[in-house]
């Protein structure tokens, strides 16, 4: 019996050791995505180390190990190295960014601008929402939507002199690109490449930014009119162009807000600026105050080719308001019919209401 045990025990140990040696090995802890314009891949975590390459925004990597803030990764080409784990994005957040981009691709552009400072791009409005990317200064973007969020100040988005009390602030949903070196392939390709430079290959990206951190590229005529009326532009459009001895001139629609940031409406004022050929200047052809409009505003043409614009207002969220520009006159369209202009008393009452808002 003892002899049998002496044989069986080593045999079982050998079987167990063999099974452990040939066990299926878990090669990867998971996957993550690069969330910065460029991330260095290092040979080790030591102070003396060598760069193995550079990863770009959107690159997928397999995570092999984690040590404090560093992550050992394997790239799509099979290169293994270490990166700063804070510069990687988890799959769930990447999926949210993909869904946000898909939504952004379906929205009409409401205006254009560029970043004033280094600006964090977030997955939803609010400074505490997960960060998707950071734009540098002067990056062109397209504005798609507006939202309001509580002001929750963070260390990386602090401005000198900002008040500490709780308040509301405006956010814009924007679409832009994360520029990649020409030698890299793009992770996404459906976004129109309107903001890249020659030789660049870029990854489209969408997210929410603080509206105040954008410099809006508003046409001069619209900017001058808005400044004179103390309005904050929220969206603007070229409705059409008219001929002039000095060349064709654009005619514009402006949607704007008054007062401090954070109202419940996307815009409260509409203005249309038309070109007066006789006086060779822009004039305000249409004003409507007291609105609680929601973006997006859409522009189109009537059956006869006249410019139209339409949007939803808070007082009737199920029916679009439609307006038509007839030469230099704007008329509201209801049930396909041009509405008669309001009486002087109604217009005066609307103006008084607008001044009080």
Protein backbone atom coordinates (compact mmCIF):
# COMPACT_ATOMS: atom_id res chain seq x y z
CA UNK A 1 0.00 0.00 0.00
CA UNK A 2 2.79 2.37 0.94
CA UNK A 3 4.58 1.54 -2.26
CA UNK A 4 1.48 2.37 -4.27
CA UNK A 5 1.17 5.72 -2.48
CA UNK A 6 4.82 6.49 -3.13
CA UNK A 7 4.16 6.00 -6.81
CA UNK A 8 0.72 7.69 -6.96
CA UNK A 9 1.59 10.90 -5.12
CA UNK A 10 4.53 11.91 -7.37
CA UNK A 11 2.47 10.90 -10.40
CA UNK A 12 -0.42 13.14 -9.35
CA UNK A 13 1.99 15.97 -8.63
CA UNK A 14 3.52 15.56 -12.08
CA UNK A 15 0.07 15.61 -13.71
CA UNK A 16 -0.89 18.75 -11.75
CA UNK A 17 2.37 20.46 -12.67
CA UNK A 18 1.94 19.56 -16.33
CA UNK A 19 -1.66 20.83 -16.32
CA UNK A 20 -0.56 24.11 -14.72
CA UNK A 21 2.27 24.56 -17.21
CA UNK A 22 0.02 23.96 -20.21
CA UNK A 23 -2.96 25.87 -18.79
CA UNK A 24 -4.65 28.46 -21.09
CA UNK A 25 -2.88 31.76 -20.45
CA UNK A 26 -4.85 34.99 -20.27
CA UNK A 27 -2.91 37.13 -22.71
CA UNK A 28 -4.90 40.32 -22.30
CA UNK A 29 -6.67 42.09 -19.46
CA UNK A 30 -8.91 43.89 -21.93
CA UNK A 31 -8.81 46.67 -24.49
CA UNK A 32 -8.60 50.46 -24.35
CA UNK A 33 -8.33 53.39 -26.75
CA UNK A 34 -5.91 56.30 -26.96
CA UNK A 35 -7.64 59.52 -25.87
CA UNK A 36 -4.92 62.06 -26.74
CA UNK A 37 -3.55 63.44 -29.99
CA UNK A 38 -0.33 61.49 -29.43
CA UNK A 39 0.93 59.13 -26.70
CA UNK A 40 4.50 57.81 -26.41
CA UNK A 41 4.97 54.06 -26.13
CA UNK A 42 7.92 53.39 -23.77
CA UNK A 43 10.17 50.36 -23.42
CA UNK A 44 9.72 50.28 -19.63
CA UNK A 45 8.60 52.29 -16.61
CA UNK A 46 12.18 53.01 -15.52
CA UNK A 47 13.61 56.52 -15.54
CA UNK A 48 16.10 55.39 -18.18
CA UNK A 49 13.92 54.10 -21.01
CA UNK A 50 13.52 54.27 -24.76
CA UNK A 51 10.56 55.40 -26.87
CA UNK A 52 9.26 52.56 -29.04
CA UNK A 53 6.76 54.60 -31.01
CA UNK A 54 3.86 57.05 -30.87
CA UNK A 55 0.16 56.17 -30.65
CA UNK A 56 -2.55 58.49 -31.97
CA UNK A 57 -6.08 59.31 -30.91
CA UNK A 58 -8.46 56.40 -31.46
CA UNK A 59 -5.81 53.68 -31.63
CA UNK A 60 -6.98 50.45 -29.99
CA UNK A 61 -4.56 48.62 -27.70
CA UNK A 62 -4.69 45.40 -25.66
CA UNK A 63 -3.86 45.92 -21.98
CA UNK A 64 -1.45 43.33 -20.58
CA UNK A 65 -0.59 44.64 -17.11
CA UNK A 66 -1.07 47.67 -14.86
CA UNK A 67 1.43 49.28 -12.50
CA UNK A 68 0.21 52.43 -10.71
CA UNK A 69 -0.52 54.98 -13.47
CA UNK A 70 1.25 52.96 -16.18
CA UNK A 71 -0.25 50.29 -18.41
CA UNK A 72 1.57 47.68 -20.44
CA UNK A 73 -0.09 47.46 -23.85
CA UNK A 74 0.20 45.66 -27.15
CA UNK A 75 -0.52 47.69 -30.30
CA UNK A 76 -2.25 46.55 -33.48
CA UNK A 77 1.18 45.92 -35.03
CA UNK A 78 2.20 43.65 -32.13
CA UNK A 79 4.58 46.11 -30.44
CA UNK A 80 4.55 45.82 -26.64
CA UNK A 81 5.39 48.72 -24.32
CA UNK A 82 4.24 50.97 -21.51
CA UNK A 83 2.04 54.08 -21.66
CA UNK A 84 0.52 56.50 -19.18
CA UNK A 85 -2.81 54.88 -18.32
CA UNK A 86 -4.44 58.27 -17.77
CA UNK A 87 -4.19 58.84 -21.53
CA UNK A 88 -6.32 55.81 -22.35
CA UNK A 89 -10.10 55.51 -22.65
CA UNK A 90 -12.11 52.51 -21.50
CA UNK A 91 -14.29 50.69 -24.09
CA UNK A 92 -17.56 51.88 -22.51
CA UNK A 93 -16.57 55.54 -22.84
CA UNK A 94 -15.25 54.96 -26.35
CA UNK A 95 -18.63 53.46 -27.26
CA UNK A 96 -20.37 56.54 -25.90
CA UNK A 97 -18.06 58.74 -27.96
CA UNK A 98 -18.93 56.71 -31.08
CA UNK A 99 -22.65 57.11 -30.41
CA UNK A 100 -22.22 60.85 -29.84
CA UNK A 101 -20.32 61.18 -33.12
CA UNK A 102 -23.04 59.30 -34.97
CA UNK A 103 -25.63 61.69 -33.57
CA UNK A 104 -23.47 64.70 -34.44
CA UNK A 105 -23.11 63.57 -38.05
CA UNK A 106 -26.90 63.80 -38.47
CA UNK A 107 -27.24 67.37 -37.12
CA UNK A 108 -27.13 70.51 -39.30
CA UNK A 109 -24.33 72.99 -38.59
CA UNK A 110 -25.55 76.03 -36.61
CA UNK A 111 -22.32 78.05 -36.76
CA UNK A 112 -18.56 77.73 -36.82
CA UNK A 113 -15.79 78.86 -34.51
CA UNK A 114 -12.43 77.99 -33.00
CA UNK A 115 -11.09 77.30 -29.55
CA UNK A 116 -9.78 80.28 -27.58
CA UNK A 117 -7.70 78.17 -25.19
CA UNK A 118 -6.92 74.51 -24.56
CA UNK A 119 -10.45 73.11 -24.31
CA UNK A 120 -11.69 69.81 -22.90
CA UNK A 121 -14.18 67.87 -24.98
CA UNK A 122 -16.69 65.98 -22.81
CA UNK A 123 -19.21 63.25 -23.46
CA UNK A 124 -22.09 65.34 -22.07
CA UNK A 125 -22.57 68.93 -20.84
CA UNK A 126 -20.88 69.62 -17.49
CA UNK A 127 -17.32 70.02 -16.28
CA UNK A 128 -17.45 66.81 -14.26
CA UNK A 129 -18.56 64.66 -17.22
CA UNK A 130 -15.96 62.19 -18.60
CA UNK A 131 -13.40 63.82 -20.88
CA UNK A 132 -13.01 62.50 -24.40
CA UNK A 133 -10.19 64.69 -25.73
CA UNK A 134 -8.50 68.06 -25.38
CA UNK A 135 -8.28 70.54 -28.24
CA UNK A 136 -5.43 72.99 -28.39
CA UNK A 137 -5.86 76.71 -29.03
CA UNK A 138 -7.21 77.86 -32.40
CA UNK A 139 -8.76 74.55 -33.50
CA UNK A 140 -11.68 74.98 -35.98
CA UNK A 141 -14.98 73.40 -34.93
CA UNK A 142 -18.59 73.24 -36.13
CA UNK A 143 -21.36 74.11 -33.66
CA UNK A 144 -24.35 71.74 -33.66
CA UNK A 145 -26.43 72.15 -30.49
CA UNK A 146 -26.71 74.03 -27.19
CA UNK A 147 -27.31 72.93 -23.62
CA UNK A 148 -27.10 74.35 -20.10
CA UNK A 149 -25.28 72.74 -17.18
CA UNK A 150 -24.47 73.59 -13.59
CA UNK A 151 -21.15 75.36 -13.13
CA UNK A 152 -18.91 72.90 -11.30
CA UNK A 153 -15.41 74.33 -11.43
CA UNK A 154 -12.51 71.90 -11.92
CA UNK A 155 -8.79 72.48 -11.53
CA UNK A 156 -8.01 72.11 -15.26
CA UNK A 157 -10.77 74.54 -16.36
CA UNK A 158 -10.30 77.40 -13.92
CA UNK A 159 -10.33 80.99 -15.12
CA UNK A 160 -8.94 83.93 -13.18
CA UNK A 161 -11.68 85.83 -11.41
CA UNK A 162 -14.39 83.21 -11.91
CA UNK A 163 -17.01 83.33 -9.16
CA UNK A 164 -17.26 80.36 -6.84
CA UNK A 165 -21.02 80.33 -6.32
CA UNK A 166 -23.23 77.80 -8.12
CA UNK A 167 -24.71 79.01 -11.40
CA UNK A 168 -25.54 77.86 -14.92
CA UNK A 169 -23.35 78.03 -18.00
CA UNK A 170 -23.78 77.46 -21.75
CA UNK A 171 -22.33 74.44 -23.55
CA UNK A 172 -22.08 73.72 -27.27
CA UNK A 173 -22.09 70.33 -28.95
CA UNK A 174 -19.33 70.59 -31.52
CA UNK A 175 -17.78 68.51 -34.25
CA UNK A 176 -14.11 68.67 -35.17
CA UNK A 177 -11.10 66.52 -35.99
CA UNK A 178 -8.23 65.02 -34.06
CA UNK A 179 -5.29 65.47 -36.42
CA UNK A 180 -3.05 62.47 -37.08
CA UNK A 181 0.32 62.21 -38.87
CA UNK A 182 -0.03 61.58 -42.63
CA UNK A 183 1.54 58.12 -42.22
CA UNK A 184 -1.24 56.92 -39.93
CA UNK A 185 -4.54 55.41 -41.00
CA UNK A 186 -7.80 56.88 -39.73
CA UNK A 187 -10.06 55.07 -37.29
CA UNK A 188 -13.16 56.82 -38.63
CA UNK A 189 -13.76 58.21 -42.10
CA UNK A 190 -17.42 59.24 -42.44
CA UNK A 191 -17.02 62.79 -41.10
CA UNK A 192 -16.53 65.43 -43.86
CA UNK A 193 -12.89 66.51 -43.78
CA UNK A 194 -13.52 70.26 -43.98
CA UNK A 195 -11.13 71.42 -41.27
CA UNK A 196 -7.95 69.54 -42.11
CA UNK A 197 -4.83 70.86 -43.77
CA UNK A 198 -3.04 69.45 -46.81
CA UNK A 199 -1.37 66.13 -46.06
CA UNK A 200 -3.20 65.53 -42.77
CA UNK A 201 -5.29 62.46 -42.08
CA UNK A 202 -7.75 63.12 -39.32
CA UNK A 203 -10.11 61.31 -37.00
CA UNK A 204 -13.55 62.93 -36.66
CA UNK A 205 -14.65 63.66 -33.13
CA UNK A 206 -17.68 65.20 -31.41
CA UNK A 207 -18.43 66.30 -27.87
CA UNK A 208 -19.52 69.09 -25.56
CA UNK A 209 -17.40 72.16 -24.77
CA UNK A 210 -17.96 75.28 -22.67
CA UNK A 211 -19.46 77.84 -25.04
CA UNK A 212 -17.40 80.64 -23.55
CA UNK A 213 -14.20 78.86 -24.59
CA UNK A 214 -15.04 79.25 -28.29
CA UNK A 215 -14.36 82.25 -30.53
CA UNK A 216 -17.35 82.36 -32.89
CA UNK A 217 -16.59 83.12 -36.55
CA UNK A 218 -19.69 85.29 -37.00
CA UNK A 219 -19.87 87.34 -40.25
CA UNK A 220 -19.02 91.00 -39.74
CA UNK A 221 -22.53 92.26 -40.55
CA UNK A 222 -24.08 89.86 -38.05
CA UNK A 223 -21.48 90.59 -35.36
CA UNK A 224 -21.96 94.35 -35.65
CA UNK A 225 -25.73 94.02 -35.41
CA UNK A 226 -25.52 91.67 -32.43
CA UNK A 227 -23.05 93.88 -30.58
CA UNK A 228 -25.20 96.96 -31.14
CA UNK A 229 -28.23 95.17 -29.67
CA UNK A 230 -26.26 93.50 -26.84
CA UNK A 231 -27.05 90.00 -28.13
CA UNK A 232 -25.13 86.75 -27.73
CA UNK A 233 -25.11 84.83 -31.05
CA UNK A 234 -26.18 81.20 -30.69
CA UNK A 235 -26.62 80.28 -34.38
CA UNK A 236 -26.38 82.05 -37.73
CA UNK A 237 -27.00 81.21 -41.37
CA UNK A 238 -26.57 82.62 -44.85
CA UNK A 239 -30.09 82.64 -46.30
CA UNK A 240 -29.22 83.71 -49.84
CA UNK A 241 -27.08 86.11 -51.87
CA UNK A 242 -28.14 89.22 -53.79
CA UNK A 243 -26.37 91.01 -56.63
CA UNK A 244 -24.71 94.36 -56.10
CA UNK A 245 -22.39 96.55 -58.23
CA UNK A 246 -19.63 95.75 -55.73
CA UNK A 247 -20.29 91.99 -55.98
CA UNK A 248 -22.78 89.54 -54.48
CA UNK A 249 -23.81 90.08 -50.88
CA UNK A 250 -25.04 87.49 -48.41
CA UNK A 251 -28.22 87.98 -46.37
CA UNK A 252 -28.20 86.47 -42.91
CA UNK A 253 -30.35 84.98 -40.16
CA UNK A 254 -29.19 85.34 -36.54
CA UNK A 255 -30.57 83.44 -33.54
CA UNK A 256 -29.37 85.00 -30.30
CA UNK A 257 -29.89 85.28 -26.55
CA UNK A 258 -29.92 88.17 -24.11
CA UNK A 259 -28.64 88.45 -20.58
CA UNK A 260 -26.47 86.04 -18.63
CA UNK A 261 -25.63 82.47 -19.56
CA UNK A 262 -27.83 79.54 -18.76
CA UNK A 263 -31.39 80.36 -19.85
CA UNK A 264 -33.80 77.52 -20.43
CA UNK A 265 -34.11 78.45 -24.11
CA UNK A 266 -31.48 77.99 -26.82
CA UNK A 267 -32.34 81.44 -28.22
CA UNK A 268 -34.90 84.17 -27.56
CA UNK A 269 -34.33 86.58 -30.47
CA UNK A 270 -34.38 86.25 -34.25
CA UNK A 271 -32.95 88.86 -36.61
CA UNK A 272 -32.56 88.93 -40.38
CA UNK A 273 -29.99 91.24 -41.98
CA UNK A 274 -30.51 92.19 -45.62
CA UNK A 275 -28.41 94.23 -48.03
CA UNK A 276 -29.74 97.67 -49.07
CA UNK A 277 -28.32 98.32 -52.54
CA UNK A 278 -29.34 101.99 -52.60
CA UNK A 279 -27.63 102.78 -49.30
CA UNK A 280 -24.86 100.15 -49.74
CA UNK A 281 -25.22 98.83 -46.22
CA UNK A 282 -26.78 96.05 -44.18
CA UNK A 283 -30.09 96.72 -42.45
CA UNK A 284 -32.17 94.81 -39.93
CA UNK A 285 -35.13 93.62 -41.99
CA UNK A 286 -36.79 91.44 -39.35
CA UNK A 287 -36.86 91.19 -35.55
CA UNK A 288 -38.78 88.75 -33.37
CA UNK A 289 -38.36 88.83 -29.61
CA UNK A 290 -39.86 86.83 -26.77
CA UNK A 291 -39.10 83.43 -28.26
CA UNK A 292 -38.00 80.27 -26.48
CA UNK A 293 -36.53 78.59 -29.51
CA UNK A 294 -34.80 75.21 -29.68
CA UNK A 295 -31.85 74.33 -31.87
CA UNK A 296 -31.36 73.12 -34.48
CA UNK A 297 -32.67 75.73 -36.88
CA UNK A 298 -33.00 74.32 -40.39
CA UNK A 299 -32.87 76.29 -43.64
CA UNK A 300 -34.47 75.30 -46.93
CA UNK A 301 -36.06 76.69 -50.10
CA UNK A 302 -39.72 77.12 -50.95
CA UNK A 303 -41.20 75.62 -54.11
CA UNK A 304 -40.41 78.89 -55.85
CA UNK A 305 -36.84 78.98 -54.56
CA UNK A 306 -37.29 81.53 -51.76
CA UNK A 307 -35.21 81.08 -48.58
CA UNK A 308 -37.02 79.57 -45.58
CA UNK A 309 -36.01 78.71 -42.02
CA UNK A 310 -37.82 76.65 -39.42
CA UNK A 311 -37.48 75.53 -35.79
CA UNK A 312 -39.51 74.45 -32.77
CA UNK A 313 -40.58 76.90 -30.06
CA UNK A 314 -41.39 76.02 -26.45
CA UNK A 315 -45.00 77.25 -26.72
CA UNK A 316 -45.74 74.65 -29.44
CA UNK A 317 -43.16 71.86 -29.30
CA UNK A 318 -45.02 69.62 -31.77
CA UNK A 319 -45.32 72.05 -34.68
CA UNK A 320 -42.47 73.79 -36.46
CA UNK A 321 -42.47 77.53 -36.97
CA UNK A 322 -41.68 78.30 -40.60
CA UNK A 323 -40.53 81.69 -41.97
CA UNK A 324 -39.87 82.82 -45.54
CA UNK A 325 -37.66 85.63 -46.84
CA UNK A 326 -39.42 87.43 -49.71
CA UNK A 327 -36.87 89.89 -51.14
CA UNK A 328 -36.18 91.91 -47.96
CA UNK A 329 -39.36 90.98 -46.08
CA UNK A 330 -39.76 88.02 -43.71
CA UNK A 331 -43.17 86.41 -43.30
CA UNK A 332 -44.25 83.50 -41.16
CA UNK A 333 -45.78 80.55 -43.02
CA UNK A 334 -48.64 78.63 -41.43
CA UNK A 335 -50.34 75.65 -43.09
CA UNK A 336 -48.59 76.57 -46.33
CA UNK A 337 -50.02 80.10 -46.35
CA UNK A 338 -48.15 83.38 -45.89
CA UNK A 339 -49.41 85.09 -42.76
CA UNK A 340 -50.33 88.76 -42.91
CA UNK A 341 -47.96 91.14 -41.11
CA UNK A 342 -48.90 92.03 -37.56
CA UNK A 343 -50.59 95.32 -36.83
CA UNK A 344 -48.53 98.20 -35.47
CA UNK A 345 -50.05 97.78 -32.02
CA UNK A 346 -49.14 94.07 -31.97
CA UNK A 347 -45.64 94.84 -33.19
CA UNK A 348 -45.19 97.51 -30.50
CA UNK A 349 -46.42 95.11 -27.84
CA UNK A 350 -43.98 92.44 -29.03
CA UNK A 351 -41.11 94.91 -28.97
CA UNK A 352 -42.02 95.99 -25.45
CA UNK A 353 -42.12 92.37 -24.36
CA UNK A 354 -38.74 91.76 -25.97
CA UNK A 355 -37.18 94.69 -24.10
CA UNK A 356 -38.46 93.37 -20.83
CA UNK A 357 -36.95 89.90 -21.45
